[in-house]
PDB file of all heavy atoms in Angstrom:
ATOM      1  N   GLY A   1     -45.448 -64.620  38.122  1.00  0.00           N
ATOM      2  CA  GLY A   1     -44.912 -63.371  38.669  1.00  0.00           C
ATOM      3  C   GLY A   1     -44.436 -63.535  40.088  1.00  0.00           C
ATOM      4  O   GLY A   1     -43.368 -63.035  40.462  1.00  0.00           O
ATOM      5  N   LEU A   2     -45.201 -64.267  40.902  1.00  0.00           N
ATOM      6  CA  LEU A   2     -44.788 -64.494  42.289  1.00  0.00           C
ATOM      7  C   LEU A   2     -43.553 -65.377  42.359  1.00  0.00           C
ATOM      8  O   LEU A   2     -42.688 -65.189  43.227  1.00  0.00           O
ATOM      9  CB  LEU A   2     -45.938 -65.139  43.062  1.00  0.00           C
ATOM     10  CG  LEU A   2     -47.209 -64.285  43.224  1.00  0.00           C
ATOM     11  CD1 LEU A   2     -48.277 -65.083  43.971  1.00  0.00           C
ATOM     12  CD2 LEU A   2     -46.918 -62.989  43.948  1.00  0.00           C
ATOM     13  N   ALA A   3     -43.445 -66.326  41.416  1.00  0.00           N
ATOM     14  CA  ALA A   3     -42.306 -67.246  41.447  1.00  0.00           C
ATOM     15  C   ALA A   3     -40.986 -66.533  41.182  1.00  0.00           C
ATOM     16  O   ALA A   3     -39.945 -66.896  41.752  1.00  0.00           O
ATOM     17  CB  ALA A   3     -42.509 -68.352  40.424  1.00  0.00           C
ATOM     18  N   ILE A   4     -41.005 -65.522  40.305  1.00  0.00           N
ATOM     19  CA  ILE A   4     -39.744 -64.853  39.976  1.00  0.00           C
ATOM     20  C   ILE A   4     -39.504 -63.616  40.847  1.00  0.00           C
ATOM     21  O   ILE A   4     -38.482 -62.943  40.691  1.00  0.00           O
ATOM     22  CB  ILE A   4     -39.705 -64.439  38.492  1.00  0.00           C
ATOM     23  CG1 ILE A   4     -40.759 -63.376  38.185  1.00  0.00           C
ATOM     24  CG2 ILE A   4     -39.879 -65.647  37.595  1.00  0.00           C
ATOM     25  CD1 ILE A   4     -40.642 -62.814  36.784  1.00  0.00           C
ATOM     26  N   ALA A   5     -40.426 -63.313  41.772  1.00  0.00           N
ATOM     27  CA  ALA A   5     -40.264 -62.135  42.626  1.00  0.00           C
ATOM     28  C   ALA A   5     -38.954 -62.146  43.405  1.00  0.00           C
ATOM     29  O   ALA A   5     -38.307 -61.106  43.554  1.00  0.00           O
ATOM     30  CB  ALA A   5     -41.455 -62.000  43.580  1.00  0.00           C
ATOM     31  N   PRO A   6     -38.480 -63.300  43.924  1.00  0.00           N
ATOM     32  CA  PRO A   6     -37.242 -63.255  44.715  1.00  0.00           C
ATOM     33  C   PRO A   6     -35.961 -63.242  43.874  1.00  0.00           C
ATOM     34  O   PRO A   6     -34.870 -63.345  44.449  1.00  0.00           O
ATOM     35  CB  PRO A   6     -37.316 -64.551  45.535  1.00  0.00           C
ATOM     36  CG  PRO A   6     -38.678 -65.112  45.341  1.00  0.00           C
ATOM     37  CD  PRO A   6     -39.133 -64.607  44.025  1.00  0.00           C
ATOM     38  N   THR A   7     -36.064 -63.154  42.531  1.00  0.00           N
ATOM     39  CA  THR A   7     -34.892 -63.330  41.686  1.00  0.00           C
ATOM     40  C   THR A   7     -34.168 -62.042  41.341  1.00  0.00           C
ATOM     41  O   THR A   7     -33.214 -62.062  40.574  1.00  0.00           O
ATOM     42  CB  THR A   7     -35.281 -64.030  40.377  1.00  0.00           C
ATOM     43  OG1 THR A   7     -36.221 -63.194  39.651  1.00  0.00           O
ATOM     44  CG2 THR A   7     -35.937 -65.372  40.649  1.00  0.00           C
ATOM     45  N   ALA A   8     -34.591 -60.904  41.888  1.00  0.00           N
ATOM     46  CA  ALA A   8     -33.886 -59.651  41.611  1.00  0.00           C
ATOM     47  C   ALA A   8     -32.474 -59.715  42.176  1.00  0.00           C
ATOM     48  O   ALA A   8     -32.263 -60.199  43.295  1.00  0.00           O
ATOM     49  CB  ALA A   8     -34.641 -58.465  42.218  1.00  0.00           C
ATOM     50  N   PRO A   9     -31.484 -59.227  41.438  1.00  0.00           N
ATOM     51  CA  PRO A   9     -30.099 -59.283  41.954  1.00  0.00           C
ATOM     52  C   PRO A   9     -29.906 -58.369  43.151  1.00  0.00           C
ATOM     53  O   PRO A   9     -30.540 -57.316  43.257  1.00  0.00           O
ATOM     54  CB  PRO A   9     -29.260 -58.805  40.752  1.00  0.00           C
ATOM     55  CG  PRO A   9     -30.208 -57.977  39.942  1.00  0.00           C
ATOM     56  CD  PRO A   9     -31.556 -58.612  40.105  1.00  0.00           C
ATOM     57  N   ARG A  10     -29.039 -58.783  44.059  1.00  0.00           N
ATOM     58  CA  ARG A  10     -28.682 -57.946  45.207  1.00  0.00           C
ATOM     59  C   ARG A  10     -27.464 -57.128  44.801  1.00  0.00           C
ATOM     60  O   ARG A  10     -26.391 -57.665  44.504  1.00  0.00           O
ATOM     61  CB  ARG A  10     -28.355 -58.786  46.444  1.00  0.00           C
ATOM     62  CG  ARG A  10     -29.530 -59.571  46.993  1.00  0.00           C
ATOM     63  CD  ARG A  10     -29.156 -60.165  48.346  1.00  0.00           C
ATOM     64  NE  ARG A  10     -29.152 -59.141  49.385  1.00  0.00           N
ATOM     65  CZ  ARG A  10     -28.522 -59.292  50.554  1.00  0.00           C
ATOM     66  NH1 ARG A  10     -27.817 -60.365  50.789  1.00  0.00           N
ATOM     67  NH2 ARG A  10     -28.583 -58.342  51.463  1.00  0.00           N
ATOM     68  N   PHE A  11     -27.614 -55.822  44.782  1.00  0.00           N
ATOM     69  CA  PHE A  11     -26.552 -54.955  44.331  1.00  0.00           C
ATOM     70  C   PHE A  11     -25.453 -54.864  45.391  1.00  0.00           C
ATOM     71  O   PHE A  11     -25.732 -54.632  46.566  1.00  0.00           O
ATOM     72  CB  PHE A  11     -27.097 -53.556  44.010  1.00  0.00           C
ATOM     73  CG  PHE A  11     -28.198 -53.560  43.001  1.00  0.00           C
ATOM     74  CD1 PHE A  11     -29.313 -52.724  43.165  1.00  0.00           C
ATOM     75  CD2 PHE A  11     -28.159 -54.391  41.897  1.00  0.00           C
ATOM     76  CE1 PHE A  11     -30.335 -52.717  42.228  1.00  0.00           C
ATOM     77  CE2 PHE A  11     -29.179 -54.410  40.968  1.00  0.00           C
ATOM     78  CZ  PHE A  11     -30.280 -53.570  41.141  1.00  0.00           C
ATOM     79  N   ASP A  12     -24.213 -55.039  44.972  1.00  0.00           N
ATOM     80  CA  ASP A  12     -23.081 -54.911  45.882  1.00  0.00           C
ATOM     81  C   ASP A  12     -22.547 -53.496  45.961  1.00  0.00           C
ATOM     82  O   ASP A  12     -21.936 -53.121  46.969  1.00  0.00           O
ATOM     83  CB  ASP A  12     -21.950 -55.858  45.447  1.00  0.00           C
ATOM     84  CG  ASP A  12     -22.342 -57.323  45.569  1.00  0.00           C
ATOM     85  OD1 ASP A  12     -22.944 -57.679  46.592  1.00  0.00           O
ATOM     86  OD2 ASP A  12     -22.057 -58.091  44.641  1.00  0.00           O
ATOM     87  N   VAL A  13     -22.769 -52.709  44.906  1.00  0.00           N
ATOM     88  CA  VAL A  13     -22.334 -51.312  44.871  1.00  0.00           C
ATOM     89  C   VAL A  13     -23.458 -50.480  44.289  1.00  0.00           C
ATOM     90  O   VAL A  13     -24.082 -50.886  43.279  1.00  0.00           O
ATOM     91  CB  VAL A  13     -21.052 -51.137  44.027  1.00  0.00           C
ATOM     92  CG1 VAL A  13     -20.705 -49.654  43.877  1.00  0.00           C
ATOM     93  CG2 VAL A  13     -19.889 -51.891  44.651  1.00  0.00           C
ATOM     94  N   MET A  14     -23.752 -49.335  44.898  1.00  0.00           N
ATOM     95  CA  MET A  14     -24.754 -48.406  44.381  1.00  0.00           C
ATOM     96  C   MET A  14     -24.152 -47.006  44.448  1.00  0.00           C
ATOM     97  O   MET A  14     -23.555 -46.621  45.453  1.00  0.00           O
ATOM     98  CB  MET A  14     -26.043 -48.471  45.196  1.00  0.00           C
ATOM     99  CG  MET A  14     -26.640 -49.866  45.296  1.00  0.00           C
ATOM    100  SD  MET A  14     -28.222 -49.942  46.199  1.00  0.00           S
ATOM    101  CE  MET A  14     -29.333 -49.226  44.987  1.00  0.00           C
ATOM    102  N   VAL A  15     -24.343 -46.239  43.353  1.00  0.00           N
ATOM    103  CA  VAL A  15     -23.771 -44.894  43.261  1.00  0.00           C
ATOM    104  C   VAL A  15     -24.870 -43.943  42.805  1.00  0.00           C
ATOM    105  O   VAL A  15     -25.511 -44.191  41.777  1.00  0.00           O
ATOM    106  CB  VAL A  15     -22.584 -44.848  42.279  1.00  0.00           C
ATOM    107  CG1 VAL A  15     -21.939 -43.462  42.311  1.00  0.00           C
ATOM    108  CG2 VAL A  15     -21.557 -45.922  42.621  1.00  0.00           C
ATOM    109  N   ALA A  16     -25.085 -42.872  43.564  1.00  0.00           N
ATOM    110  CA  ALA A  16     -26.053 -41.851  43.167  1.00  0.00           C
ATOM    111  C   ALA A  16     -25.528 -41.103  41.946  1.00  0.00           C
ATOM    112  O   ALA A  16     -24.334 -41.082  41.651  1.00  0.00           O
ATOM    113  CB  ALA A  16     -26.308 -40.889  44.308  1.00  0.00           C
ATOM    114  N   GLU A  17     -26.453 -40.451  41.223  1.00  0.00           N
ATOM    115  CA  GLU A  17     -26.059 -39.826  39.964  1.00  0.00           C
ATOM    116  C   GLU A  17     -25.085 -38.682  40.148  1.00  0.00           C
ATOM    117  O   GLU A  17     -24.333 -38.357  39.214  1.00  0.00           O
ATOM    118  CB  GLU A  17     -27.304 -39.344  39.208  1.00  0.00           C
ATOM    119  CG  GLU A  17     -28.087 -38.235  39.887  1.00  0.00           C
ATOM    120  CD  GLU A  17     -29.248 -37.756  39.045  1.00  0.00           C
ATOM    121  OE1 GLU A  17     -29.548 -38.390  38.020  1.00  0.00           O
ATOM    122  OE2 GLU A  17     -29.846 -36.721  39.397  1.00  0.00           O
ATOM    123  N   ASP A  18     -25.055 -38.049  41.320  1.00  0.00           N
ATOM    124  CA  ASP A  18     -24.078 -36.981  41.550  1.00  0.00           C
ATOM    125  C   ASP A  18     -22.780 -37.499  42.145  1.00  0.00           C
ATOM    126  O   ASP A  18     -21.843 -36.729  42.377  1.00  0.00           O
ATOM    127  CB  ASP A  18     -24.666 -35.898  42.461  1.00  0.00           C
ATOM    128  CG  ASP A  18     -25.071 -36.434  43.823  1.00  0.00           C
ATOM    129  OD1 ASP A  18     -24.888 -37.647  44.086  1.00  0.00           O
ATOM    130  OD2 ASP A  18     -25.592 -35.643  44.641  1.00  0.00           O
ATOM    131  N   GLY A  19     -22.688 -38.797  42.391  1.00  0.00           N
ATOM    132  CA  GLY A  19     -21.474 -39.384  42.931  1.00  0.00           C
ATOM    133  C   GLY A  19     -21.222 -39.108  44.396  1.00  0.00           C
ATOM    134  O   GLY A  19     -20.203 -39.534  44.942  1.00  0.00           O
ATOM    135  N   GLU A  20     -22.150 -38.417  45.075  1.00  0.00           N
ATOM    136  CA  GLU A  20     -21.932 -38.021  46.460  1.00  0.00           C
ATOM    137  C   GLU A  20     -22.327 -39.101  47.449  1.00  0.00           C
ATOM    138  O   GLU A  20     -21.757 -39.191  48.535  1.00  0.00           O
ATOM    139  CB  GLU A  20     -22.707 -36.735  46.767  1.00  0.00           C
ATOM    140  CG  GLU A  20     -22.164 -35.502  46.082  1.00  0.00           C
ATOM    141  CD  GLU A  20     -20.769 -35.159  46.565  1.00  0.00           C
ATOM    142  OE1 GLU A  20     -20.579 -34.964  47.782  1.00  0.00           O
ATOM    143  OE2 GLU A  20     -19.859 -35.101  45.731  1.00  0.00           O
ATOM    144  N   THR A  21     -23.302 -39.900  47.115  1.00  0.00           N
ATOM    145  CA  THR A  21     -23.755 -40.984  48.005  1.00  0.00           C
ATOM    146  C   THR A  21     -23.412 -42.319  47.367  1.00  0.00           C
ATOM    147  O   THR A  21     -23.740 -42.559  46.208  1.00  0.00           O
ATOM    148  CB  THR A  21     -25.267 -40.892  48.269  1.00  0.00           C
ATOM    149  OG1 THR A  21     -25.597 -39.590  48.754  1.00  0.00           O
ATOM    150  CG2 THR A  21     -25.698 -41.928  49.295  1.00  0.00           C
ATOM    151  N   ILE A  22     -22.742 -43.164  48.139  1.00  0.00           N
ATOM    152  CA  ILE A  22     -22.253 -44.457  47.629  1.00  0.00           C
ATOM    153  C   ILE A  22     -22.601 -45.524  48.662  1.00  0.00           C
ATOM    154  O   ILE A  22     -22.504 -45.302  49.871  1.00  0.00           O
ATOM    155  CB  ILE A  22     -20.722 -44.432  47.403  1.00  0.00           C
ATOM    156  CG1 ILE A  22     -20.352 -43.333  46.403  1.00  0.00           C
ATOM    157  CG2 ILE A  22     -20.213 -45.782  46.904  1.00  0.00           C
ATOM    158  CD1 ILE A  22     -18.882 -43.058  46.321  1.00  0.00           C
ATOM    159  N   ALA A  23     -22.986 -46.697  48.179  1.00  0.00           N
ATOM    160  CA  ALA A  23     -23.263 -47.835  49.060  1.00  0.00           C
ATOM    161  C   ALA A  23     -22.437 -49.027  48.607  1.00  0.00           C
ATOM    162  O   ALA A  23     -22.262 -49.258  47.410  1.00  0.00           O
ATOM    163  CB  ALA A  23     -24.748 -48.188  49.047  1.00  0.00           C
ATOM    164  N   ALA A  24     -21.929 -49.762  49.566  1.00  0.00           N
ATOM    165  CA  ALA A  24     -21.164 -50.987  49.277  1.00  0.00           C
ATOM    166  C   ALA A  24     -21.588 -52.056  50.280  1.00  0.00           C
ATOM    167  O   ALA A  24     -21.794 -51.766  51.467  1.00  0.00           O
ATOM    168  CB  ALA A  24     -19.668 -50.726  49.371  1.00  0.00           C
ATOM    169  N   ARG A  25     -21.720 -53.288  49.796  1.00  0.00           N
ATOM    170  CA  ARG A  25     -22.142 -54.374  50.685  1.00  0.00           C
ATOM    171  C   ARG A  25     -20.936 -54.867  51.490  1.00  0.00           C
ATOM    172  O   ARG A  25     -19.929 -55.293  50.928  1.00  0.00           O
ATOM    173  CB  ARG A  25     -22.751 -55.524  49.887  1.00  0.00           C
ATOM    174  CG  ARG A  25     -23.519 -56.515  50.739  1.00  0.00           C
ATOM    175  CD  ARG A  25     -24.360 -57.457  49.893  1.00  0.00           C
ATOM    176  NE  ARG A  25     -25.322 -56.759  49.066  1.00  0.00           N
ATOM    177  CZ  ARG A  25     -26.472 -56.265  49.499  1.00  0.00           C
ATOM    178  NH1 ARG A  25     -26.797 -56.386  50.779  1.00  0.00           N
ATOM    179  NH2 ARG A  25     -27.284 -55.651  48.655  1.00  0.00           N
ATOM    180  N   GLY A  26     -21.069 -54.778  52.788  1.00  0.00           N
ATOM    181  CA  GLY A  26     -19.964 -55.091  53.660  1.00  0.00           C
ATOM    182  C   GLY A  26     -19.859 -56.571  54.006  1.00  0.00           C
ATOM    183  O   GLY A  26     -20.645 -57.386  53.523  1.00  0.00           O
ATOM    184  N   PRO A  27     -18.924 -56.931  54.848  1.00  0.00           N
ATOM    185  CA  PRO A  27     -18.741 -58.347  55.247  1.00  0.00           C
ATOM    186  C   PRO A  27     -19.959 -58.943  55.921  1.00  0.00           C
ATOM    187  O   PRO A  27     -20.158 -60.155  55.885  1.00  0.00           O
ATOM    188  CB  PRO A  27     -17.542 -58.294  56.189  1.00  0.00           C
ATOM    189  CG  PRO A  27     -16.844 -57.009  55.892  1.00  0.00           C
ATOM    190  CD  PRO A  27     -17.911 -56.052  55.473  1.00  0.00           C
ATOM    191  N   ASP A  28     -20.794 -58.084  56.565  1.00  0.00           N
ATOM    192  CA  ASP A  28     -21.987 -58.599  57.249  1.00  0.00           C
ATOM    193  C   ASP A  28     -23.180 -58.789  56.314  1.00  0.00           C
ATOM    194  O   ASP A  28     -24.260 -59.162  56.757  1.00  0.00           O
ATOM    195  CB  ASP A  28     -22.369 -57.663  58.394  1.00  0.00           C
ATOM    196  CG  ASP A  28     -22.687 -56.238  57.916  1.00  0.00           C
ATOM    197  OD1 ASP A  28     -22.516 -55.954  56.706  1.00  0.00           O
ATOM    198  OD2 ASP A  28     -23.081 -55.401  58.755  1.00  0.00           O
ATOM    199  N   GLY A  29     -22.986 -58.506  55.034  1.00  0.00           N
ATOM    200  CA  GLY A  29     -24.051 -58.686  54.051  1.00  0.00           C
ATOM    201  C   GLY A  29     -24.989 -57.501  53.921  1.00  0.00           C
ATOM    202  O   GLY A  29     -25.919 -57.533  53.113  1.00  0.00           O
ATOM    203  N   ARG A  30     -24.773 -56.445  54.709  1.00  0.00           N
ATOM    204  CA  ARG A  30     -25.628 -55.258  54.639  1.00  0.00           C
ATOM    205  C   ARG A  30     -24.919 -54.145  53.892  1.00  0.00           C
ATOM    206  O   ARG A  30     -23.698 -54.099  53.817  1.00  0.00           O
ATOM    207  CB  ARG A  30     -26.025 -54.779  56.045  1.00  0.00           C
ATOM    208  CG  ARG A  30     -26.790 -55.821  56.846  1.00  0.00           C
ATOM    209  CD  ARG A  30     -27.468 -55.197  58.052  1.00  0.00           C
ATOM    210  NE  ARG A  30     -26.524 -54.520  58.944  1.00  0.00           N
ATOM    211  CZ  ARG A  30     -26.899 -53.849  60.033  1.00  0.00           C
ATOM    212  NH1 ARG A  30     -28.187 -53.767  60.354  1.00  0.00           N
ATOM    213  NH2 ARG A  30     -25.991 -53.257  60.797  1.00  0.00           N
ATOM    214  N   LEU A  31     -25.713 -53.242  53.338  1.00  0.00           N
ATOM    215  CA  LEU A  31     -25.147 -52.104  52.644  1.00  0.00           C
ATOM    216  C   LEU A  31     -24.601 -51.105  53.648  1.00  0.00           C
ATOM    217  O   LEU A  31     -25.260 -50.765  54.645  1.00  0.00           O
ATOM    218  CB  LEU A  31     -26.211 -51.412  51.778  1.00  0.00           C
ATOM    219  CG  LEU A  31     -26.707 -52.165  50.538  1.00  0.00           C
ATOM    220  CD1 LEU A  31     -27.817 -51.371  49.856  1.00  0.00           C
ATOM    221  CD2 LEU A  31     -25.572 -52.425  49.557  1.00  0.00           C
TER     222      LEU A  31
END
């Protein structure tokens, strides 16, 4: 379990269910 802990994908785009809040990973690597 500890070995696979760092393997979660880093999401480049995130959208809330109402479509009002959106996140995108910028050139600096942050959302």
